[in-house]
C-alpha atoms as a PDB file:
ATOM      1  CA  MET A   1      82.830  78.214  58.788  1.00  0.00           C
ATOM      2  CA  THR A   2      84.083  79.604  62.054  1.00  0.00           C
ATOM      3  CA  ARG A   3      83.648  83.104  63.132  1.00  0.00           C
ATOM      4  CA  ASP A   4      86.059  85.072  65.519  1.00  0.00           C
ATOM      5  CA  HIS A   5      83.983  86.436  68.309  1.00  0.00           C
ATOM      6  CA  SER A   6      86.983  87.975  70.344  1.00  0.00           C
ATOM      7  CA  THR A   7      86.276  91.109  71.524  1.00  0.00           C
ATOM      8  CA  SER A   8      88.167  93.853  73.357  1.00  0.00           C
ATOM      9  CA  LEU A   9      86.933  95.752  76.480  1.00  0.00           C
ATOM     10  CA  HIS A  10      88.704  99.095  74.950  1.00  0.00           C
ATOM     11  CA  ALA A  11      86.355 100.726  72.431  1.00  0.00           C
ATOM     12  CA  PRO A  12      87.981 101.006  68.853  1.00  0.00           C
ATOM     13  CA  ALA A  13      88.434 104.554  67.650  1.00  0.00           C
ATOM     14  CA  ASP A  14      86.173 103.759  64.502  1.00  0.00           C
ATOM     15  CA  ALA A  15      83.926 100.839  64.753  1.00  0.00           C
ATOM     16  CA  GLU A  16      83.811  98.425  61.866  1.00  0.00           C
ATOM     17  CA  GLN A  17      79.949  99.340  60.959  1.00  0.00           C
ATOM     18  CA  GLY A  18      80.708 103.207  61.312  1.00  0.00           C
ATOM     19  CA  ALA A  19      81.943 105.837  63.576  1.00  0.00           C
ATOM     20  CA  PRO A  20      80.659 105.902  67.042  1.00  0.00           C
ATOM     21  CA  THR A  21      77.680 108.464  67.545  1.00  0.00           C
ATOM     22  CA  VAL A  22      78.556 111.184  70.497  1.00  0.00           C
ATOM     23  CA  LEU A  23      75.456 111.686  72.747  1.00  0.00           C
ATOM     24  CA  HIS A  24      74.629 113.786  75.795  1.00  0.00           C
ATOM     25  CA  GLY A  25      78.255 115.501  75.705  1.00  0.00           C
ATOM     26  CA  GLY A  26      80.662 112.492  75.863  1.00  0.00           C
ATOM     27  CA  GLY A  27      79.147 109.385  75.666  1.00  0.00           C
ATOM     28  CA  ARG A  28      79.966 107.369  72.396  1.00  0.00           C
ATOM     29  CA  ARG A  29      77.369 104.888  71.339  1.00  0.00           C
ATOM     30  CA  LEU A  30      79.256 102.063  69.863  1.00  0.00           C
ATOM     31  CA  PRO A  31      77.541  99.561  67.362  1.00  0.00           C
ATOM     32  CA  VAL A  32      75.852  96.368  68.634  1.00  0.00           C
ATOM     33  CA  ARG A  33      75.300  93.406  66.388  1.00  0.00           C
ATOM     34  CA  TRP A  34      72.381  90.877  66.519  1.00  0.00           C
ATOM     35  CA  ILE A  35      73.732  87.595  65.517  1.00  0.00           C
ATOM     36  CA  ASN A  36      70.844  85.269  65.093  1.00  0.00           C
ATOM     37  CA  ARG A  37      67.878  88.165  64.908  1.00  0.00           C
ATOM     38  CA  GLU A  38      66.806  89.990  61.623  1.00  0.00           C
ATOM     39  CA  SER A  39      65.762  93.193  64.015  1.00  0.00           C
ATOM     40  CA  SER A  40      66.251  94.091  67.359  1.00  0.00           C
ATOM     41  CA  PRO A  41      63.655  92.678  69.660  1.00  0.00           C
ATOM     42  CA  ILE A  42      64.483  95.115  72.534  1.00  0.00           C
ATOM     43  CA  THR A  43      66.697  98.383  72.641  1.00  0.00           C
ATOM     44  CA  ILE A  44      70.168  97.632  73.790  1.00  0.00           C
ATOM     45  CA  SER A  45      73.165 100.012  73.018  1.00  0.00           C
ATOM     46  CA  ARG A  46      76.638  99.876  74.077  1.00  0.00           C
ATOM     47  CA  TYR A  47      78.655 102.938  75.405  1.00  0.00           C
ATOM     48  CA  CYS A  48      82.102 104.343  76.077  1.00  0.00           C
ATOM     49  CA  ILE A  49      83.080 107.364  78.098  1.00  0.00           C
ATOM     50  CA  ASP A  50      86.492 108.290  78.298  1.00  0.00           C
ATOM     51  CA  PRO A  51      88.492 109.391  81.557  1.00  0.00           C
ATOM     52  CA  GLY A  52      87.058 112.745  82.895  1.00  0.00           C
ATOM     53  CA  ALA A  53      84.433 112.922  80.253  1.00  0.00           C
ATOM     54  CA  GLU A  54      80.616 112.427  81.071  1.00  0.00           C
ATOM     55  CA  VAL A  55      77.391 111.681  79.862  1.00  0.00           C
ATOM     56  CA  SER A  56      75.615 115.033  80.769  1.00  0.00           C
ATOM     57  CA  LEU A  57      72.508 115.419  82.713  1.00  0.00           C
ATOM     58  CA  HIS A  58      69.539 114.583  80.760  1.00  0.00           C
ATOM     59  CA  VAL A  59      65.970 113.285  80.982  1.00  0.00           C
ATOM     60  CA  HIS A  60      63.657 111.054  79.089  1.00  0.00           C
ATOM     61  CA  THR A  61      59.839 110.328  79.044  1.00  0.00           C
ATOM     62  CA  GLY A  62      58.121 107.000  77.727  1.00  0.00           C
ATOM     63  CA  LYS A  63      61.246 104.884  78.730  1.00  0.00           C
ATOM     64  CA  LEU A  64      63.254 103.576  81.600  1.00  0.00           C
ATOM     65  CA  GLU A  65      66.809 102.578  81.322  1.00  0.00           C
ATOM     66  CA  TYR A  66      68.955 100.354  82.737  1.00  0.00           C
ATOM     67  CA  TRP A  67      72.858 100.873  82.795  1.00  0.00           C
ATOM     68  CA  LEU A  68      75.176  97.908  83.203  1.00  0.00           C
ATOM     69  CA  ILE A  69      78.788  98.893  83.859  1.00  0.00           C
ATOM     70  CA  LEU A  70      81.230  96.573  81.935  1.00  0.00           C
ATOM     71  CA  ALA A  71      84.451  98.490  82.680  1.00  0.00           C
ATOM     72  CA  GLY A  72      85.729 101.190  84.582  1.00  0.00           C
ATOM     73  CA  ALA A  73      84.427 103.384  87.362  1.00  0.00           C
ATOM     74  CA  GLY A  74      82.379 106.725  87.695  1.00  0.00           C
ATOM     75  CA  ILE A  75      79.431 108.345  89.349  1.00  0.00           C
ATOM     76  CA  VAL A  76      75.826 108.118  88.254  1.00  0.00           C
ATOM     77  CA  ARG A  77      73.356 111.243  89.311  1.00  0.00           C
ATOM     78  CA  VAL A  78      69.587 109.733  89.365  1.00  0.00           C
ATOM     79  CA  GLY A  79      67.603 112.541  90.387  1.00  0.00           C
ATOM     80  CA  SER A  80      69.282 114.118  93.333  1.00  0.00           C
ATOM     81  CA  ASP A  81      70.912 111.028  94.171  1.00  0.00           C
ATOM     82  CA  ILE A  82      74.648 110.214  93.398  1.00  0.00           C
ATOM     83  CA  PHE A  83      76.262 106.895  93.362  1.00  0.00           C
ATOM     84  CA  ALA A  84      79.550 105.340  92.737  1.00  0.00           C
ATOM     85  CA  VAL A  85      79.721 102.578  90.128  1.00  0.00           C
ATOM     86  CA  ALA A  86      82.044 100.282  88.821  1.00  0.00           C
ATOM     87  CA  GLU A  87      82.191  97.110  86.728  1.00  0.00           C
ATOM     88  CA  GLY A  88      79.209  94.817  87.298  1.00  0.00           C
ATOM     89  CA  ASP A  89      76.898  97.507  88.716  1.00  0.00           C
ATOM     90  CA  ILE A  90      73.507  98.149  87.264  1.00  0.00           C
ATOM     91  CA  ILE A  91      71.532 101.636  87.581  1.00  0.00           C
ATOM     92  CA  ALA A  92      67.902 102.047  86.728  1.00  0.00           C
ATOM     93  CA  THR A  93      67.131 105.512  85.366  1.00  0.00           C
ATOM     94  CA  GLU A  94      63.014 106.231  85.538  1.00  0.00           C
ATOM     95  CA  PRO A  95      61.317 108.250  82.979  1.00  0.00           C
ATOM     96  CA  THR A  96      61.045 111.888  83.688  1.00  0.00           C
ATOM     97  CA  VAL A  97      63.882 111.782  86.501  1.00  0.00           C
ATOM     98  CA  PRO A  98      66.991 113.584  85.187  1.00  0.00           C
ATOM     99  CA  HIS A  99      70.487 111.364  85.020  1.00  0.00           C
ATOM    100  CA  ALA A 100      73.984 111.978  83.911  1.00  0.00           C
ATOM    101  CA  LEU A 101      77.185 109.344  84.131  1.00  0.00           C
ATOM    102  CA  GLN A 102      80.930 110.728  84.742  1.00  0.00           C
ATOM    103  CA  ASN A 103      83.724 108.683  84.248  1.00  0.00           C
ATOM    104  CA  THR A 104      86.149 109.278  87.201  1.00  0.00           C
ATOM    105  CA  GLY A 105      88.810 106.612  86.412  1.00  0.00           C
ATOM    106  CA  SER A 106      91.809 106.347  84.429  1.00  0.00           C
ATOM    107  CA  VAL A 107      90.573 103.797  81.730  1.00  0.00           C
ATOM    108  CA  GLN A 108      87.423 104.064  79.583  1.00  0.00           C
ATOM    109  CA  LEU A 109      84.288 103.483  81.288  1.00  0.00           C
ATOM    110  CA  LEU A 110      81.965 100.827  79.324  1.00  0.00           C
ATOM    111  CA  PHE A 111      78.417 100.462  79.822  1.00  0.00           C
ATOM    112  CA  VAL A 112      75.327  98.454  78.112  1.00  0.00           C
ATOM    113  CA  ASN A 113      72.118 100.528  78.214  1.00  0.00           C
ATOM    114  CA  ILE A 114      68.696  98.460  78.316  1.00  0.00           C
ATOM    115  CA  VAL A 115      65.644 100.233  77.231  1.00  0.00           C
ATOM    116  CA  GLN A 116      62.213  99.604  78.516  1.00  0.00           C
ATOM    117  CA  ALA A 117      59.510 101.291  76.882  1.00  0.00           C
ATOM    118  CA  THR A 118      56.701 102.624  79.486  1.00  0.00           C
ATOM    119  CA  GLY A 119      54.148 103.908  77.216  1.00  0.00           C
ATOM    120  CA  GLY A 120      53.470 107.268  75.565  1.00  0.00           C
ATOM    121  CA  PRO A 121      55.842 109.178  73.325  1.00  0.00           C
ATOM    122  CA  ILE A 122      59.807 108.580  74.049  1.00  0.00           C
ATOM    123  CA  THR A 123      61.540 112.093  74.170  1.00  0.00           C
ATOM    124  CA  THR A 124      65.048 113.214  75.527  1.00  0.00           C
ATOM    125  CA  THR A 125      65.753 116.739  76.799  1.00  0.00           C
ATOM    126  CA  ASP A 126      69.492 117.229  77.486  1.00  0.00           C
ATOM    127  CA  LEU A 127      70.039 119.445  80.603  1.00  0.00           C
ATOM    128  CA  THR A 128      73.127 120.821  82.644  1.00  0.00           C
ATOM    129  CA  GLY A 129      76.087 118.754  83.644  1.00  0.00           C
ATOM    130  CA  ILE A 130      76.556 116.550  86.540  1.00  0.00           C
END
């Protein structure tokens, strides 16, 4: 049996495995599917941000996040630093450092969020916009 693994860089309006979850203002978490694992060995999420929308400023404890930009362009705030990002860029967000991501382009900004636990309880607090 063959399986079609073709994908589109554009996020579907409704994902096959359920509607996307909207987080931090405007980031839609899209489903991921592990093909050869019963459960996820690490936390990896896929997100989409529409043009002009943003993942609003928020902060975590207990985890470090790595954002890998797959498509689109935007600006990231990490603490007091602002970075322009585009396809292929990776941003690390340290625990207790506020961070946000705004889509400044004309197409969807897609990114993968890879989470590394750093110990202690994991919390999330939403703050103000970018």
